[in-house]
């Protein structure tokens, strides 16, 4: 919808869509009409007693959209790990005034706002740990900037991520891992990569997919969570404090 109103196309509200744009819309409508029912399990906590509860949050951004998604990670007494999508949100980028780094930073802000809303809802039973990850080195480095000043655009957004994180730590005593450090991970391991792209299909979000159940590494012990291509300690992925 956004791309239809670029200055280059010059379309009005009642102008018929033609060419590649028309084929794209027809294909999208066909997919939605022919798609079978997609179900999301209401229960996102395993049965029985659990010994740990984490929130794992991801953010991402591109030229077309920025997004965030949060997963619950439970470990039971038997040692089994249960991971489910808790919530997600995506926003289309504006036509002007934004670059990929800015879009990624907006994704980080969106993720932190979701985090804050979720932690408030879980105030009576807060998670033991909150892990935050993204594939934007620019956004991560901006949060760790120790000298000089950021521009107004980046400064306001970086400041909001820190403010919301402080609120989470103060009000709920939730453990933000590494005293507020966020982790860098490859794009292919970033769960928020899915909603920031335009090539996703209905099959990508069905039951049993990585979108609903998280990436396979999320069931691994903390020190082996990110495997690309071999297990390694997360400490090697930390941005300098």
Protein backbone atom coordinates (compact mmCIF):
# COMPACT_ATOMS: atom_id res chain seq x y z
CA UNK A 1 0.00 0.00 0.00
CA UNK A 2 2.79 2.40 0.87
CA UNK A 3 4.69 1.72 -2.35
CA UNK A 4 1.64 2.55 -4.46
CA UNK A 5 1.89 6.17 -3.40
CA UNK A 6 5.53 6.88 -4.15
CA UNK A 7 6.03 10.11 -6.13
CA UNK A 8 7.41 8.10 -9.07
CA UNK A 9 4.09 6.28 -9.59
CA UNK A 10 1.92 9.38 -9.32
CA UNK A 11 -1.22 7.36 -8.55
CA UNK A 12 -4.44 8.89 -7.26
CA UNK A 13 -6.93 7.13 -5.01
CA UNK A 14 -9.10 5.96 -7.92
CA UNK A 15 -6.31 5.13 -10.36
CA UNK A 16 -6.41 1.45 -11.47
CA UNK A 17 -3.33 -0.57 -10.48
CA UNK A 18 -1.43 -2.01 -13.44
CA UNK A 19 1.71 -3.95 -14.30
CA UNK A 20 3.88 -5.57 -11.61
CA UNK A 21 1.92 -3.88 -8.80
CA UNK A 22 -1.29 -5.49 -10.01
CA UNK A 23 0.32 -8.94 -10.24
CA UNK A 24 1.70 -8.53 -6.72
CA UNK A 25 -1.71 -7.70 -5.28
CA UNK A 26 -3.41 -10.55 -7.15
CA UNK A 27 -0.83 -13.00 -5.83
CA UNK A 28 -1.27 -11.76 -2.28
CA UNK A 29 -5.06 -11.98 -2.45
CA UNK A 30 -4.87 -15.50 -3.91
CA UNK A 31 -2.61 -16.63 -1.11
CA UNK A 32 -4.95 -15.29 1.58
CA UNK A 33 -8.04 -16.80 -0.03
CA UNK A 34 -6.50 -20.23 -0.60
CA UNK A 35 -4.64 -20.42 2.73
CA UNK A 36 -5.87 -22.90 5.28
CA UNK A 37 -6.60 -21.95 8.86
CA UNK A 38 -3.58 -20.85 10.91
CA UNK A 39 -3.79 -21.61 14.64
CA UNK A 40 -1.80 -20.27 17.58
CA UNK A 41 -1.79 -22.27 20.79
CA UNK A 42 -3.36 -20.29 23.61
CA UNK A 43 -1.21 -21.98 26.24
CA UNK A 44 2.35 -20.61 26.28
CA UNK A 45 3.40 -22.18 29.58
CA UNK A 46 4.16 -25.88 30.04
CA UNK A 47 2.22 -28.06 32.43
CA UNK A 48 3.75 -28.91 35.78
CA UNK A 49 6.31 -27.11 37.89
CA UNK A 50 8.91 -24.89 36.25
CA UNK A 51 12.35 -23.96 37.60
CA UNK A 52 13.11 -20.97 35.35
CA UNK A 53 11.25 -18.47 33.22
CA UNK A 54 12.98 -16.18 30.71
CA UNK A 55 11.78 -13.59 28.24
CA UNK A 56 13.88 -13.55 25.05
CA UNK A 57 13.33 -10.42 22.95
CA UNK A 58 14.45 -9.66 19.38
CA UNK A 59 14.40 -6.57 17.17
CA UNK A 60 15.17 -5.87 13.53
CA UNK A 61 14.68 -3.27 10.82
CA UNK A 62 14.89 -2.94 7.05
CA UNK A 63 14.01 -0.44 4.35
CA UNK A 64 10.43 -1.70 4.32
CA UNK A 65 9.59 -2.39 7.98
CA UNK A 66 10.89 -2.62 11.53
CA UNK A 67 9.73 -5.24 13.98
CA UNK A 68 10.07 -6.86 17.38
CA UNK A 69 9.05 -10.21 18.86
CA UNK A 70 9.22 -11.68 22.36
CA UNK A 71 9.34 -15.33 23.38
CA UNK A 72 8.72 -17.08 26.68
CA UNK A 73 11.30 -19.71 27.59
CA UNK A 74 10.38 -22.10 30.40
CA UNK A 75 12.50 -24.87 31.89
CA UNK A 76 10.70 -27.64 33.76
CA UNK A 77 11.86 -29.80 36.66
CA UNK A 78 12.51 -32.63 34.23
CA UNK A 79 14.97 -30.48 32.30
CA UNK A 80 12.71 -29.97 29.29
CA UNK A 81 12.64 -26.52 27.70
CA UNK A 82 9.40 -25.01 26.38
CA UNK A 83 9.53 -21.96 24.05
CA UNK A 84 6.55 -20.06 22.62
CA UNK A 85 5.93 -16.74 20.93
CA UNK A 86 4.44 -14.32 23.45
CA UNK A 87 3.86 -11.22 21.33
CA UNK A 88 5.13 -9.40 18.26
CA UNK A 89 4.62 -6.15 16.41
CA UNK A 90 5.75 -4.66 13.09
CA UNK A 91 5.57 -1.20 11.58
CA UNK A 92 5.94 -0.10 7.95
CA UNK A 93 8.76 2.41 7.45
CA UNK A 94 7.87 5.85 6.12
CA UNK A 95 8.70 6.76 2.54
CA UNK A 96 11.12 9.53 3.52
CA UNK A 97 13.52 10.43 6.30
CA UNK A 98 14.62 6.96 7.31
CA UNK A 99 17.58 4.71 6.56
CA UNK A 100 18.22 1.08 7.43
CA UNK A 101 20.18 1.98 10.62
CA UNK A 102 17.33 4.26 11.69
CA UNK A 103 14.82 1.52 10.95
CA UNK A 104 16.83 -0.91 13.10
CA UNK A 105 16.93 1.61 15.92
CA UNK A 106 13.16 2.04 15.66
CA UNK A 107 12.90 -1.73 15.91
CA UNK A 108 14.88 -1.61 19.16
CA UNK A 109 12.52 1.01 20.58
CA UNK A 110 9.48 -1.01 19.51
CA UNK A 111 10.95 -4.10 21.17
CA UNK A 112 11.65 -2.24 24.42
CA UNK A 113 8.09 -0.87 24.52
CA UNK A 114 6.73 -4.39 24.07
CA UNK A 115 9.14 -5.59 26.75
CA UNK A 116 7.93 -2.93 29.16
CA UNK A 117 4.25 -3.75 28.54
CA UNK A 118 4.88 -7.45 28.98
CA UNK A 119 6.90 -7.09 32.17
CA UNK A 120 4.19 -4.88 33.67
CA UNK A 121 1.61 -7.56 32.89
CA UNK A 122 3.87 -10.13 34.59
CA UNK A 123 4.58 -8.00 37.67
CA UNK A 124 3.26 -10.63 40.10
CA UNK A 125 5.39 -13.39 38.51
CA UNK A 126 8.27 -11.58 36.74
CA UNK A 127 10.72 -13.51 34.56
CA UNK A 128 14.02 -14.61 36.06
CA UNK A 129 15.93 -13.13 33.15
CA UNK A 130 15.37 -11.01 30.07
CA UNK A 131 17.65 -11.60 27.08
CA UNK A 132 17.72 -9.02 24.27
CA UNK A 133 19.25 -9.57 20.86
CA UNK A 134 19.44 -8.06 17.39
CA UNK A 135 21.64 -8.11 14.31
CA UNK A 136 22.21 -4.34 14.11
CA UNK A 137 25.72 -3.42 15.22
CA UNK A 138 24.80 0.24 14.71
CA UNK A 139 21.91 0.15 17.18
CA UNK A 140 23.90 -1.85 19.72
CA UNK A 141 26.92 0.44 19.47
CA UNK A 142 24.70 3.54 19.81
CA UNK A 143 23.48 2.31 23.20
CA UNK A 144 27.08 1.87 24.37
CA UNK A 145 28.33 5.27 23.18
CA UNK A 146 30.42 6.71 26.02
CA UNK A 147 31.77 9.94 24.53
CA UNK A 148 30.36 12.62 22.26
CA UNK A 149 26.69 13.20 21.61
CA UNK A 150 24.21 11.43 19.39
CA UNK A 151 22.01 13.40 17.02
CA UNK A 152 18.46 14.23 18.04
CA UNK A 153 16.90 11.33 16.11
CA UNK A 154 19.16 8.63 17.53
CA UNK A 155 19.59 10.26 20.93
CA UNK A 156 15.87 10.32 21.70
CA UNK A 157 15.41 6.69 20.74
CA UNK A 158 18.52 5.38 22.49
CA UNK A 159 17.48 7.31 25.59
CA UNK A 160 14.04 5.71 25.53
CA UNK A 161 15.53 2.20 25.41
CA UNK A 162 17.60 2.97 28.51
CA UNK A 163 14.69 4.65 30.33
CA UNK A 164 12.37 1.70 29.75
CA UNK A 165 15.06 -0.74 30.80
CA UNK A 166 15.57 1.16 34.05
CA UNK A 167 11.84 1.08 34.70
CA UNK A 168 11.76 -2.68 34.22
CA UNK A 169 14.67 -3.20 36.59
CA UNK A 170 13.34 -0.79 39.24
CA UNK A 171 9.67 -1.71 39.33
CA UNK A 172 9.76 -5.46 38.83
CA UNK A 173 13.36 -6.28 39.80
CA UNK A 174 13.54 -8.32 36.62
CA UNK A 175 17.04 -9.46 35.75
CA UNK A 176 18.26 -7.83 32.54
CA UNK A 177 21.20 -10.05 31.73
CA UNK A 178 24.72 -8.67 31.93
CA UNK A 179 23.63 -5.46 33.70
CA UNK A 180 21.80 -4.16 30.71
CA UNK A 181 23.90 -5.58 27.90
CA UNK A 182 22.26 -6.53 24.65
CA UNK A 183 23.57 -9.30 22.38
CA UNK A 184 24.50 -9.31 18.73
CA UNK A 185 23.52 -12.31 16.60
CA UNK A 186 23.52 -13.18 12.89
CA UNK A 187 20.49 -12.17 10.82
CA UNK A 188 19.58 -15.81 10.17
CA UNK A 189 19.32 -16.39 13.94
CA UNK A 190 17.24 -13.26 14.59
CA UNK A 191 13.59 -14.17 15.11
CA UNK A 192 12.53 -10.59 14.28
CA UNK A 193 13.93 -10.97 10.77
CA UNK A 194 10.72 -12.67 9.67
CA UNK A 195 8.27 -9.75 10.22
CA UNK A 196 10.67 -7.15 8.78
CA UNK A 197 10.74 -8.82 5.33
CA UNK A 198 8.32 -8.85 2.39
CA UNK A 199 8.82 -12.48 1.31
CA UNK A 200 7.04 -14.17 4.23
CA UNK A 201 4.23 -16.58 3.44
CA UNK A 202 1.40 -18.19 5.39
CA UNK A 203 3.46 -21.40 5.62
CA UNK A 204 6.14 -19.49 7.55
CA UNK A 205 3.88 -18.80 10.54
CA UNK A 206 1.91 -22.03 10.93
CA UNK A 207 1.97 -24.28 13.97
CA UNK A 208 5.35 -25.91 14.51
CA UNK A 209 7.29 -23.23 12.64
CA UNK A 210 10.22 -21.26 14.03
CA UNK A 211 7.95 -18.23 14.18
CA UNK A 212 5.66 -19.83 16.76
CA UNK A 213 8.23 -22.02 18.55
CA UNK A 214 11.37 -19.90 18.21
CA UNK A 215 14.74 -20.77 16.72
CA UNK A 216 16.11 -24.22 17.66
CA UNK A 217 18.97 -22.71 19.69
CA UNK A 218 16.52 -21.25 22.20
CA UNK A 219 16.14 -24.63 23.89
CA UNK A 220 19.90 -24.91 24.49
CA UNK A 221 21.63 -23.99 27.76
CA UNK A 222 22.47 -20.29 28.06
CA UNK A 223 26.17 -20.68 27.22
CA UNK A 224 25.26 -22.51 23.98
CA UNK A 225 22.26 -20.46 22.87
CA UNK A 226 23.74 -19.05 19.68
CA UNK A 227 25.32 -21.56 17.33
CA UNK A 228 26.71 -20.15 14.12
CA UNK A 229 27.94 -22.60 13.08
CA UNK A 230 29.31 -24.17 16.28
CA UNK A 231 28.32 -23.58 19.93
CA UNK A 232 30.07 -20.67 21.55
CA UNK A 233 29.75 -18.68 24.74
CA UNK A 234 27.51 -15.65 24.50
CA UNK A 235 30.15 -13.54 26.19
CA UNK A 236 32.01 -13.37 22.87
CA UNK A 237 29.00 -11.62 21.35
CA UNK A 238 28.68 -8.86 23.90
CA UNK A 239 29.15 -5.27 22.91
CA UNK A 240 31.79 -3.47 25.04
CA UNK A 241 30.38 -1.67 28.05
